[in-house]
Protein backbone atom coordinates (compact mmCIF):
# COMPACT_ATOMS: atom_id res chain seq x y z
CA MET A 1 -46.83 -0.61 -8.74
CA SER A 2 -49.52 -0.98 -6.12
CA GLU A 3 -52.86 0.74 -6.51
CA THR A 4 -52.15 2.90 -3.46
CA SER A 5 -48.74 4.00 -4.75
CA ALA A 6 -50.21 4.83 -8.13
CA ARG A 7 -52.95 6.94 -6.52
CA HIS A 8 -50.43 8.76 -4.30
CA LYS A 9 -48.25 9.57 -7.30
CA ILE A 10 -51.25 11.00 -9.13
CA GLU A 11 -52.03 13.20 -6.13
CA ALA A 12 -48.40 14.30 -5.71
CA PRO A 13 -47.09 17.61 -7.04
CA ARG A 14 -45.66 17.14 -10.53
CA ALA A 15 -43.41 20.18 -10.69
CA LEU A 16 -41.21 20.93 -7.73
CA ARG A 17 -38.87 23.84 -7.05
CA PHE A 18 -35.42 22.43 -6.42
CA GLU A 19 -32.29 23.81 -4.88
CA ILE A 20 -29.07 22.21 -6.10
CA VAL A 21 -26.07 22.41 -3.80
CA THR A 22 -22.71 21.25 -5.11
CA VAL A 23 -20.50 20.36 -2.15
CA SER A 24 -16.94 20.70 -3.40
CA SER A 25 -14.07 22.37 -1.58
CA SER A 26 -11.92 22.55 -4.73
CA ARG A 27 -14.65 24.18 -6.84
CA PHE A 28 -15.59 26.55 -4.01
CA LYS A 29 -11.97 27.69 -3.65
CA GLN A 30 -11.61 28.17 -7.42
CA LEU A 31 -14.75 30.31 -7.47
CA GLY A 32 -13.45 32.31 -4.50
CA GLU A 33 -10.25 33.00 -6.42
CA GLY A 34 -12.28 34.24 -9.39
CA LYS A 35 -11.33 31.24 -11.49
CA LYS A 36 -13.71 29.63 -13.92
CA THR A 37 -14.70 26.14 -12.83
CA SER A 38 -16.89 23.42 -14.25
CA ASP A 39 -19.60 21.54 -12.40
CA GLU A 40 -20.50 18.62 -14.60
CA SER A 41 -22.59 16.86 -11.96
CA GLY A 42 -24.47 20.01 -10.91
CA ASP A 43 -25.16 20.82 -14.56
CA LEU A 44 -26.37 17.27 -15.13
CA VAL A 45 -28.66 17.31 -12.08
CA GLU A 46 -30.14 20.63 -13.24
CA SER A 47 -30.67 19.40 -16.78
CA LEU A 48 -32.31 16.14 -15.72
CA LEU A 49 -34.61 17.81 -13.20
CA LYS A 50 -35.73 20.38 -15.76
CA LYS A 51 -36.28 17.61 -18.30
CA ALA A 52 -38.54 15.91 -15.74
CA GLY A 53 -40.63 19.11 -15.47
CA HIS A 54 -39.15 20.62 -12.32
CA SER A 55 -37.66 24.08 -11.88
CA ILE A 56 -34.44 25.21 -10.23
CA ALA A 57 -35.15 27.86 -7.60
CA PHE A 58 -31.57 28.17 -6.45
CA ARG A 59 -28.16 26.70 -7.19
CA ARG A 60 -24.89 27.15 -5.35
CA THR A 61 -21.46 25.66 -4.77
CA ILE A 62 -20.22 25.43 -1.22
CA LEU A 63 -17.22 24.25 0.75
CA ASP A 64 -17.37 20.71 2.13
CA SER A 65 -17.73 22.13 5.61
CA LYS A 66 -20.20 21.00 8.24
CA ARG A 67 -20.87 24.61 9.25
CA MET A 68 -21.54 25.76 5.68
CA ILE A 69 -23.80 22.78 4.93
CA GLU A 70 -25.76 23.45 8.13
CA GLU A 71 -26.22 27.09 7.05
CA VAL A 72 -27.64 25.89 3.72
CA MET A 73 -30.00 23.52 5.54
CA ARG A 74 -31.34 26.34 7.72
CA SER A 75 -31.75 28.62 4.73
CA SER A 76 -33.48 25.92 2.68
CA LEU A 77 -35.85 25.02 5.50
CA ASP A 78 -36.77 28.71 5.92
CA SER A 79 -37.37 29.33 2.22
CA PRO A 80 -40.97 29.15 0.99
CA ASN A 81 -39.63 28.94 -2.58
CA ILE A 82 -37.98 25.51 -2.25
CA ASP A 83 -39.69 22.11 -2.22
CA SER A 84 -36.66 19.86 -2.43
CA VAL A 85 -32.87 20.09 -2.11
CA VAL A 86 -30.21 17.96 -3.77
CA PHE A 87 -26.77 18.01 -2.15
CA CYS A 88 -24.31 16.69 -4.71
CA GLY A 89 -20.98 15.61 -3.21
CA GLY A 90 -19.43 14.94 0.18
CA THR A 91 -21.12 11.56 0.68
CA GLY A 92 -18.01 9.39 0.66
CA ILE A 93 -15.91 8.10 3.52
CA SER A 94 -12.90 10.41 3.51
CA SER A 95 -12.30 12.68 6.49
CA THR A 96 -13.34 15.69 4.37
CA ASP A 97 -16.75 14.24 3.39
CA THR A 98 -19.17 15.95 5.79
CA THR A 99 -22.49 16.21 3.96
CA ILE A 100 -24.16 13.30 5.74
CA GLU A 101 -23.04 14.43 9.20
CA ALA A 102 -24.28 17.98 8.55
CA VAL A 103 -27.64 17.14 6.95
CA SER A 104 -28.75 14.16 9.08
CA PRO A 105 -29.52 16.04 12.32
CA PHE A 106 -31.99 18.26 10.44
CA LEU A 107 -34.02 15.38 8.99
CA GLU A 108 -37.29 14.64 10.76
CA LYS A 109 -37.58 11.30 9.00
CA THR A 110 -35.07 9.41 6.89
CA LEU A 111 -35.75 7.30 3.83
CA PRO A 112 -33.35 4.35 4.18
CA GLY A 113 -34.72 2.85 0.97
CA PHE A 114 -33.22 5.70 -1.05
CA GLY A 115 -29.63 4.89 -0.12
CA GLU A 116 -30.25 1.15 -0.22
CA THR A 117 -31.81 1.31 -3.68
CA PHE A 118 -29.16 3.68 -5.02
CA ARG A 119 -26.37 1.38 -3.82
CA ARG A 120 -28.14 -1.62 -5.41
CA LEU A 121 -28.53 0.18 -8.74
CA SER A 122 -24.98 1.49 -8.49
CA PHE A 123 -23.67 -2.02 -7.83
CA ASP A 124 -25.05 -3.05 -11.21
CA GLU A 125 -23.00 -0.27 -12.85
CA ILE A 126 -19.75 -0.12 -10.87
CA GLY A 127 -19.63 -3.28 -8.78
CA SER A 128 -18.61 -3.55 -5.16
CA ALA A 129 -17.30 0.05 -4.96
CA ALA A 130 -20.98 0.98 -4.52
CA ILE A 131 -20.59 0.27 -0.79
CA LEU A 132 -18.38 3.37 -0.43
CA THR A 133 -21.26 5.84 -0.79
CA ARG A 134 -23.38 6.97 2.12
CA ALA A 135 -26.11 8.55 -0.04
CA ILE A 136 -29.21 9.37 2.01
CA ALA A 137 -32.60 11.05 1.71
CA GLY A 138 -35.12 12.33 4.17
CA VAL A 139 -37.73 14.95 4.92
CA ALA A 140 -37.93 18.01 7.13
CA GLY A 141 -40.26 20.98 7.19
CA GLY A 142 -42.42 19.52 4.41
CA LYS A 143 -39.44 19.32 2.04
CA ALA A 144 -37.44 16.47 0.55
CA PHE A 145 -33.65 16.34 0.92
CA PHE A 146 -31.36 14.14 -1.14
CA CYS A 147 -27.62 13.72 -0.52
CA ILE A 148 -25.98 12.09 -3.52
CA PRO A 149 -22.42 11.40 -4.66
CA GLY A 150 -20.62 14.02 -6.71
CA SER A 151 -19.64 11.86 -9.66
CA PRO A 152 -21.60 12.49 -12.88
CA GLN A 153 -22.41 8.79 -13.30
CA ALA A 154 -23.85 8.58 -9.77
CA ALA A 155 -25.71 11.88 -10.12
CA ARG A 156 -27.35 10.69 -13.34
CA LEU A 157 -28.38 7.40 -11.76
CA CYS A 158 -29.84 9.07 -8.65
CA VAL A 159 -31.81 11.69 -10.56
CA GLU A 160 -33.06 9.51 -13.42
CA LYS A 161 -33.98 6.41 -11.44
CA LEU A 162 -34.98 7.81 -8.05
CA ILE A 163 -35.27 11.57 -7.50
CA SER A 164 -37.16 12.61 -10.62
CA VAL A 165 -39.48 9.62 -10.22
CA GLU A 166 -40.25 9.90 -6.49
CA ALA A 167 -39.55 13.47 -5.29
CA GLY A 168 -43.15 14.62 -5.76
CA HIS A 169 -44.42 11.54 -3.94
CA VAL A 170 -41.97 12.21 -1.07
CA VAL A 171 -43.00 15.87 -0.81
CA LYS A 172 -46.70 14.94 -0.85
CA HIS A 173 -46.26 12.75 2.22
CA ALA A 174 -43.83 15.15 3.92
CA ARG A 175 -46.55 17.81 3.85
CA GLU A 176 -49.29 15.62 5.31
C-alpha cells in the first residue's frame, strides 16, 4: 500500500452507519403475503459489516423495481443517519434486474475499480461466469453506494475483500 493510501485510511472514518437493501421480488412478495422468508445474503452482509466495526442504521427488502429502488436512493441521500448503502441483488443481466439502471443516475462519481476488482476476484472463485455481474459502486451526497450480487458467495466476497476494507476510505473522499 502506498504511503498516501495508508495515510488516507488512517484519516477515514472507521465505523460507518450502513443501510442494507435486499433487492428481491420473490422475498418482497412473500413478506407482503405475511410469509416468513429468509435472506441469507442480507444476513451475511449485516454480520460481516458488524464484525468489521460498522453499524446497521436501516435494513429493508424491496421489489426489484426501478421506481422502488429510486425511492430508496432518494430516502438514503436525504437521511443524515446513513453513511453508506449496500444494494444486494438485481445486478445480473435478466430483464428483471434493475438495480444498476435505477442507482446509476444518482451517482455523482462512479468507482469502476470496484466492479472490475470484484469480477477479477470472483473469476478466481467461479470462473468465467463472473462476467455476468454488473456490480458497481459510486458516491453521491457524501455517501458510498455499493450494488452487489444477491448470492451469498458473492456478497461475502464483496464485503470481506472490498466494502469492509475500503468503505471508510471512499466516504472520506466523498465528503471532501
